[in-house]
């Protein structure tokens, strides 16, 4: 399991554009964008952007699949 990498962000007007590998992953607007900008100062930026975009799977998928809640 590796640490997330390859993310960057840009502020455009009031929006925050998060890219992964040069491609737009998500755009944050309004309150969520402001909260992201506050959090990015004090948190690990790569991990935060991975969480925001949903790209934070790091090897526990098989374990989660076996959880009683996730069994069909």
PDB file of N, CA and C in Angstrom:
ATOM      1  N   UNK A   1       0.831  -1.167   0.000  1.00  0.00           N
ATOM      2  CA  UNK A   1       0.000   0.000   0.000  1.00  0.00           C
ATOM      3  C   UNK A   1       0.881   1.237   0.000  1.00  0.00           C
ATOM      4  N   UNK A   2       0.627   2.111  -0.939  1.00  0.00           N
ATOM      5  CA  UNK A   2       1.410   3.328  -1.021  1.00  0.00           C
ATOM      6  C   UNK A   2       0.609   4.539  -0.613  1.00  0.00           C
ATOM      7  N   UNK A   3       1.325   5.595  -0.431  1.00  0.00           N
ATOM      8  CA  UNK A   3       0.660   6.859  -0.128  1.00  0.00           C
ATOM      9  C   UNK A   3       0.103   7.440  -1.416  1.00  0.00           C
ATOM     10  N   UNK A   4      -1.013   8.161  -1.337  1.00  0.00           N
ATOM     11  CA  UNK A   4      -1.557   8.776  -2.543  1.00  0.00           C
ATOM     12  C   UNK A   4      -0.592   9.810  -3.105  1.00  0.00           C
ATOM     13  N   UNK A   5      -0.539   9.898  -4.411  1.00  0.00           N
ATOM     14  CA  UNK A   5       0.313  10.890  -5.060  1.00  0.00           C
ATOM     15  C   UNK A   5      -0.282  11.241  -6.418  1.00  0.00           C
ATOM     16  N   UNK A   6       0.256  12.272  -7.025  1.00  0.00           N
ATOM     17  CA  UNK A   6      -0.177  12.666  -8.355  1.00  0.00           C
ATOM     18  C   UNK A   6      -1.311  13.664  -8.374  1.00  0.00           C
ATOM     19  N   UNK A   7      -1.722  14.152  -7.215  1.00  0.00           N
ATOM     20  CA  UNK A   7      -2.807  15.130  -7.141  1.00  0.00           C
ATOM     21  C   UNK A   7      -2.245  16.540  -7.125  1.00  0.00           C
ATOM     22  N   UNK A   8      -2.987  17.461  -7.706  1.00  0.00           N
ATOM     23  CA  UNK A   8      -2.700  18.884  -7.552  1.00  0.00           C
ATOM     24  C   UNK A   8      -4.021  19.629  -7.638  1.00  0.00           C
ATOM     25  N   UNK A   9      -4.002  20.866  -7.192  1.00  0.00           N
ATOM     26  CA  UNK A   9      -5.231  21.644  -7.228  1.00  0.00           C
ATOM     27  C   UNK A   9      -4.934  23.073  -7.650  1.00  0.00           C
ATOM     28  N   UNK A  10      -5.981  23.720  -8.156  1.00  0.00           N
ATOM     29  CA  UNK A  10      -5.888  25.120  -8.567  1.00  0.00           C
ATOM     30  C   UNK A  10      -7.167  25.819  -8.125  1.00  0.00           C
ATOM     31  N   UNK A  11      -7.016  27.068  -7.708  1.00  0.00           N
ATOM     32  CA  UNK A  11      -8.164  27.872  -7.306  1.00  0.00           C
ATOM     33  C   UNK A  11      -8.546  28.747  -8.486  1.00  0.00           C
ATOM     34  N   UNK A  12      -9.802  28.643  -8.898  1.00  0.00           N
ATOM     35  CA  UNK A  12     -10.309  29.445 -10.011  1.00  0.00           C
ATOM     36  C   UNK A  12     -11.582  30.134  -9.558  1.00  0.00           C
ATOM     37  N   UNK A  13     -11.464  31.416  -9.315  1.00  0.00           N
ATOM     38  CA  UNK A  13     -12.610  32.149  -8.761  1.00  0.00           C
ATOM     39  C   UNK A  13     -12.872  31.637  -7.361  1.00  0.00           C
ATOM     40  N   UNK A  14     -14.062  31.160  -7.102  1.00  0.00           N
ATOM     41  CA  UNK A  14     -14.386  30.557  -5.815  1.00  0.00           C
ATOM     42  C   UNK A  14     -14.327  29.046  -5.837  1.00  0.00           C
ATOM     43  N   UNK A  15     -13.952  28.466  -6.988  1.00  0.00           N
ATOM     44  CA  UNK A  15     -13.916  27.014  -7.145  1.00  0.00           C
ATOM     45  C   UNK A  15     -12.507  26.470  -6.934  1.00  0.00           C
ATOM     46  N   UNK A  16     -12.440  25.216  -6.519  1.00  0.00           N
ATOM     47  CA  UNK A  16     -11.164  24.513  -6.408  1.00  0.00           C
ATOM     48  C   UNK A  16     -11.228  23.327  -7.363  1.00  0.00           C
ATOM     49  N   UNK A  17     -10.308  23.285  -8.320  1.00  0.00           N
ATOM     50  CA  UNK A  17     -10.241  22.204  -9.294  1.00  0.00           C
ATOM     51  C   UNK A  17      -9.139  21.259  -8.848  1.00  0.00           C
ATOM     52  N   UNK A  18      -9.495  19.996  -8.596  1.00  0.00           N
ATOM     53  CA  UNK A  18      -8.522  18.986  -8.181  1.00  0.00           C
ATOM     54  C   UNK A  18      -8.260  18.074  -9.372  1.00  0.00           C
ATOM     55  N   UNK A  19      -6.978  17.923  -9.686  1.00  0.00           N
ATOM     56  CA  UNK A  19      -6.559  17.073 -10.802  1.00  0.00           C
ATOM     57  C   UNK A  19      -5.741  15.902 -10.283  1.00  0.00           C
ATOM     58  N   UNK A  20      -5.840  14.786 -10.982  1.00  0.00           N
ATOM     59  CA  UNK A  20      -5.025  13.615 -10.684  1.00  0.00           C
ATOM     60  C   UNK A  20      -4.411  13.161 -11.992  1.00  0.00           C
ATOM     61  N   UNK A  21      -3.110  13.144 -12.026  1.00  0.00           N
ATOM     62  CA  UNK A  21      -2.426  12.759 -13.257  1.00  0.00           C
ATOM     63  C   UNK A  21      -2.709  13.694 -14.410  1.00  0.00           C
ATOM     64  N   UNK A  22      -2.967  14.953 -14.113  1.00  0.00           N
ATOM     65  CA  UNK A  22      -3.209  15.937 -15.153  1.00  0.00           C
ATOM     66  C   UNK A  22      -4.651  16.025 -15.622  1.00  0.00           C
ATOM     67  N   UNK A  23      -5.516  15.140 -15.140  1.00  0.00           N
ATOM     68  CA  UNK A  23      -6.922  15.148 -15.553  1.00  0.00           C
ATOM     69  C   UNK A  23      -7.790  15.621 -14.398  1.00  0.00           C
ATOM     70  N   UNK A  24      -8.828  16.367 -14.709  1.00  0.00           N
ATOM     71  CA  UNK A  24      -9.720  16.877 -13.676  1.00  0.00           C
ATOM     72  C   UNK A  24     -10.422  15.698 -13.002  1.00  0.00           C
ATOM     73  N   UNK A  25     -10.288  15.632 -11.666  1.00  0.00           N
ATOM     74  CA  UNK A  25     -10.933  14.580 -10.891  1.00  0.00           C
ATOM     75  C   UNK A  25     -12.235  15.082 -10.278  1.00  0.00           C
ATOM     76  N   UNK A  26     -12.235  16.323  -9.793  1.00  0.00           N
ATOM     77  CA  UNK A  26     -13.442  16.905  -9.217  1.00  0.00           C
ATOM     78  C   UNK A  26     -13.291  18.412  -9.122  1.00  0.00           C
ATOM     79  N   UNK A  27     -14.416  19.086  -8.981  1.00  0.00           N
ATOM     80  CA  UNK A  27     -14.443  20.532  -8.780  1.00  0.00           C
ATOM     81  C   UNK A  27     -15.248  20.796  -7.516  1.00  0.00           C
ATOM     82  N   UNK A  28     -14.646  21.508  -6.583  1.00  0.00           N
ATOM     83  CA  UNK A  28     -15.318  21.871  -5.345  1.00  0.00           C
ATOM     84  C   UNK A  28     -15.806  23.303  -5.444  1.00  0.00           C
ATOM     85  N   UNK A  29     -17.015  23.524  -4.956  1.00  0.00           N
ATOM     86  CA  UNK A  29     -17.593  24.868  -5.022  1.00  0.00           C
ATOM     87  C   UNK A  29     -18.149  25.262  -3.660  1.00  0.00           C
ATOM     88  N   UNK A  30     -18.270  26.542  -3.459  1.00  0.00           N
ATOM     89  CA  UNK A  30     -18.935  27.078  -2.274  1.00  0.00           C
ATOM     90  C   UNK A  30     -18.256  26.718  -0.968  1.00  0.00           C
ATOM     91  N   UNK A  31     -19.081  26.275  -0.009  1.00  0.00           N
ATOM     92  CA  UNK A  31     -18.591  25.981   1.329  1.00  0.00           C
ATOM     93  C   UNK A  31     -17.572  24.845   1.327  1.00  0.00           C
ATOM     94  N   UNK A  32     -17.796  23.844   0.493  1.00  0.00           N
ATOM     95  CA  UNK A  32     -16.853  22.715   0.441  1.00  0.00           C
ATOM     96  C   UNK A  32     -15.485  23.173  -0.057  1.00  0.00           C
ATOM     97  N   UNK A  33     -15.440  24.076  -1.006  1.00  0.00           N
ATOM     98  CA  UNK A  33     -14.173  24.608  -1.500  1.00  0.00           C
ATOM     99  C   UNK A  33     -13.457  25.387  -0.405  1.00  0.00           C
ATOM    100  N   UNK A  34     -14.201  26.216   0.339  1.00  0.00           N
ATOM    101  CA  UNK A  34     -13.602  26.991   1.426  1.00  0.00           C
ATOM    102  C   UNK A  34     -13.064  26.070   2.517  1.00  0.00           C
ATOM    103  N   UNK A  35     -13.814  25.023   2.847  1.00  0.00           N
ATOM    104  CA  UNK A  35     -13.383  24.073   3.870  1.00  0.00           C
ATOM    105  C   UNK A  35     -12.121  23.333   3.408  1.00  0.00           C
ATOM    106  N   UNK A  36     -12.082  22.961   2.121  1.00  0.00           N
ATOM    107  CA  UNK A  36     -10.902  22.292   1.570  1.00  0.00           C
ATOM    108  C   UNK A  36      -9.669  23.176   1.704  1.00  0.00           C
ATOM    109  N   UNK A  37      -9.795  24.452   1.359  1.00  0.00           N
ATOM    110  CA  UNK A  37      -8.654  25.362   1.428  1.00  0.00           C
ATOM    111  C   UNK A  37      -8.160  25.544   2.857  1.00  0.00           C
ATOM    112  N   UNK A  38      -9.063  25.510   3.833  1.00  0.00           N
ATOM    113  CA  UNK A  38      -8.653  25.570   5.240  1.00  0.00           C
ATOM    114  C   UNK A  38      -7.926  24.297   5.652  1.00  0.00           C
ATOM    115  N   UNK A  39      -8.468  23.148   5.244  1.00  0.00           N
ATOM    116  CA  UNK A  39      -7.902  21.855   5.646  1.00  0.00           C
ATOM    117  C   UNK A  39      -6.568  21.568   4.970  1.00  0.00           C
ATOM    118  N   UNK A  40      -6.384  22.021   3.745  1.00  0.00           N
ATOM    119  CA  UNK A  40      -5.171  21.694   3.004  1.00  0.00           C
ATOM    120  C   UNK A  40      -3.935  22.327   3.648  1.00  0.00           C
ATOM    121  N   UNK A  41      -4.143  23.400   4.404  1.00  0.00           N
ATOM    122  CA  UNK A  41      -3.027  24.055   5.089  1.00  0.00           C
ATOM    123  C   UNK A  41      -2.495  23.221   6.249  1.00  0.00           C
ATOM    124  N   UNK A  42      -3.381  22.466   6.919  1.00  0.00           N
ATOM    125  CA  UNK A  42      -2.970  21.749   8.124  1.00  0.00           C
ATOM    126  C   UNK A  42      -2.888  20.243   7.943  1.00  0.00           C
ATOM    127  N   UNK A  43      -3.351  19.712   6.831  1.00  0.00           N
ATOM    128  CA  UNK A  43      -3.394  18.272   6.608  1.00  0.00           C
ATOM    129  C   UNK A  43      -2.433  17.905   5.476  1.00  0.00           C
ATOM    130  N   UNK A  44      -2.226  16.601   5.275  1.00  0.00           N
ATOM    131  CA  UNK A  44      -1.426  16.122   4.150  1.00  0.00           C
ATOM    132  C   UNK A  44      -2.221  16.387   2.868  1.00  0.00           C
ATOM    133  N   UNK A  45      -1.738  17.267   2.005  1.00  0.00           N
ATOM    134  CA  UNK A  45      -2.523  17.637   0.817  1.00  0.00           C
ATOM    135  C   UNK A  45      -2.867  16.451  -0.087  1.00  0.00           C
ATOM    136  N   UNK A  46      -1.933  15.533  -0.291  1.00  0.00           N
ATOM    137  CA  UNK A  46      -2.197  14.395  -1.171  1.00  0.00           C
ATOM    138  C   UNK A  46      -3.294  13.501  -0.596  1.00  0.00           C
ATOM    139  N   UNK A  47      -3.223  13.217   0.682  1.00  0.00           N
ATOM    140  CA  UNK A  47      -4.232  12.373   1.322  1.00  0.00           C
ATOM    141  C   UNK A  47      -5.587  13.064   1.323  1.00  0.00           C
ATOM    142  N   UNK A  48      -5.605  14.339   1.593  1.00  0.00           N
ATOM    143  CA  UNK A  48      -6.856  15.093   1.596  1.00  0.00           C
ATOM    144  C   UNK A  48      -7.499  15.075   0.212  1.00  0.00           C
ATOM    145  N   UNK A  49      -6.713  15.306  -0.830  1.00  0.00           N
ATOM    146  CA  UNK A  49      -7.273  15.295  -2.182  1.00  0.00           C
ATOM    147  C   UNK A  49      -7.745  13.901  -2.571  1.00  0.00           C
ATOM    148  N   UNK A  50      -7.052  12.858  -2.133  1.00  0.00           N
ATOM    149  CA  UNK A  50      -7.503  11.489  -2.398  1.00  0.00           C
ATOM    150  C   UNK A  50      -8.845  11.229  -1.723  1.00  0.00           C
ATOM    151  N   UNK A  51      -8.997  11.687  -0.484  1.00  0.00           N
ATOM    152  CA  UNK A  51     -10.267  11.502   0.222  1.00  0.00           C
ATOM    153  C   UNK A  51     -11.394  12.262  -0.462  1.00  0.00           C
ATOM    154  N   UNK A  52     -11.126  13.492  -0.858  1.00  0.00           N
ATOM    155  CA  UNK A  52     -12.160  14.330  -1.473  1.00  0.00           C
ATOM    156  C   UNK A  52     -12.618  13.742  -2.804  1.00  0.00           C
ATOM    157  N   UNK A  53     -11.698  13.190  -3.579  1.00  0.00           N
ATOM    158  CA  UNK A  53     -12.053  12.649  -4.891  1.00  0.00           C
ATOM    159  C   UNK A  53     -12.565  11.222  -4.816  1.00  0.00           C
ATOM    160  N   UNK A  54     -12.411  10.571  -3.667  1.00  0.00           N
ATOM    161  CA  UNK A  54     -12.861   9.182  -3.549  1.00  0.00           C
ATOM    162  C   UNK A  54     -11.800   8.187  -3.976  1.00  0.00           C
ATOM    163  N   UNK A  55     -10.609   8.630  -4.293  1.00  0.00           N
ATOM    164  CA  UNK A  55      -9.529   7.740  -4.722  1.00  0.00           C
ATOM    165  C   UNK A  55      -8.630   7.432  -3.525  1.00  0.00           C
ATOM    166  N   UNK A  56      -9.171   6.728  -2.547  1.00  0.00           N
ATOM    167  CA  UNK A  56      -8.384   6.432  -1.359  1.00  0.00           C
ATOM    168  C   UNK A  56      -8.357   4.942  -1.049  1.00  0.00           C
ATOM    169  N   UNK A  57      -8.780   4.120  -1.991  1.00  0.00           N
ATOM    170  CA  UNK A  57      -8.758   2.677  -1.765  1.00  0.00           C
ATOM    171  C   UNK A  57      -7.310   2.211  -1.744  1.00  0.00           C
ATOM    172  N   UNK A  58      -6.944   1.540  -0.704  1.00  0.00           N
ATOM    173  CA  UNK A  58      -5.552   1.145  -0.546  1.00  0.00           C
ATOM    174  C   UNK A  58      -5.412  -0.275  -0.013  1.00  0.00           C
ATOM    175  N   UNK A  59      -6.162  -1.224  -0.572  1.00  0.00           N
ATOM    176  CA  UNK A  59      -5.916  -2.608  -0.228  1.00  0.00           C
ATOM    177  C   UNK A  59      -6.887  -3.247   0.736  1.00  0.00           C
ATOM    178  N   UNK A  60      -7.851  -2.525   1.258  1.00  0.00           N
ATOM    179  CA  UNK A  60      -8.766  -3.139   2.206  1.00  0.00           C
ATOM    180  C   UNK A  60     -10.092  -3.522   1.560  1.00  0.00           C
ATOM    181  N   UNK A  61     -10.180  -3.497   0.246  1.00  0.00           N
ATOM    182  CA  UNK A  61     -11.437  -3.785  -0.428  1.00  0.00           C
ATOM    183  C   UNK A  61     -11.891  -5.213  -0.181  1.00  0.00           C
ATOM    184  N   UNK A  62     -10.968  -6.162  -0.213  1.00  0.00           N
ATOM    185  CA  UNK A  62     -11.336  -7.559  -0.025  1.00  0.00           C
ATOM    186  C   UNK A  62     -11.883  -7.780   1.384  1.00  0.00           C
ATOM    187  N   UNK A  63     -11.265  -7.180   2.380  1.00  0.00           N
ATOM    188  CA  UNK A  63     -11.736  -7.293   3.756  1.00  0.00           C
ATOM    189  C   UNK A  63     -13.126  -6.690   3.889  1.00  0.00           C
ATOM    190  N   UNK A  64     -13.339  -5.546   3.300  1.00  0.00           N
ATOM    191  CA  UNK A  64     -14.648  -4.891   3.378  1.00  0.00           C
ATOM    192  C   UNK A  64     -15.714  -5.702   2.656  1.00  0.00           C
ATOM    193  N   UNK A  65     -15.346  -6.374   1.587  1.00  0.00           N
ATOM    194  CA  UNK A  65     -16.304  -7.176   0.836  1.00  0.00           C
ATOM    195  C   UNK A  65     -16.870  -8.302   1.694  1.00  0.00           C
ATOM    196  N   UNK A  66     -16.070  -8.829   2.596  1.00  0.00           N
ATOM    197  CA  UNK A  66     -16.493  -9.935   3.451  1.00  0.00           C
ATOM    198  C   UNK A  66     -17.283  -9.489   4.675  1.00  0.00           C
ATOM    199  N   UNK A  67     -17.390  -8.212   4.932  1.00  0.00           N
ATOM    200  CA  UNK A  67     -18.137  -7.718   6.081  1.00  0.00           C
ATOM    201  C   UNK A  67     -19.613  -8.067   5.925  1.00  0.00           C
ATOM    202  N   UNK A  68     -20.272  -8.503   7.006  1.00  0.00           N
ATOM    203  CA  UNK A  68     -21.683  -8.901   6.903  1.00  0.00           C
ATOM    204  C   UNK A  68     -22.580  -7.843   6.273  1.00  0.00           C
ATOM    205  N   UNK A  69     -22.290  -6.577   6.506  1.00  0.00           N
ATOM    206  CA  UNK A  69     -23.097  -5.504   5.938  1.00  0.00           C
ATOM    207  C   UNK A  69     -23.005  -5.485   4.416  1.00  0.00           C
ATOM    208  N   UNK A  70     -21.889  -5.926   3.863  1.00  0.00           N
ATOM    209  CA  UNK A  70     -21.669  -5.827   2.425  1.00  0.00           C
ATOM    210  C   UNK A  70     -21.945  -7.112   1.675  1.00  0.00           C
ATOM    211  N   UNK A  71     -22.333  -8.149   2.364  1.00  0.00           N
ATOM    212  CA  UNK A  71     -22.696  -9.400   1.674  1.00  0.00           C
ATOM    213  C   UNK A  71     -24.111  -9.276   1.131  1.00  0.00           C
ATOM    214  N   UNK A  72     -24.294  -9.709  -0.112  1.00  0.00           N
ATOM    215  CA  UNK A  72     -25.579  -9.578  -0.793  1.00  0.00           C
ATOM    216  C   UNK A  72     -26.647 -10.279  -0.124  1.00  0.00           C
TER     217      UNK A  72
END
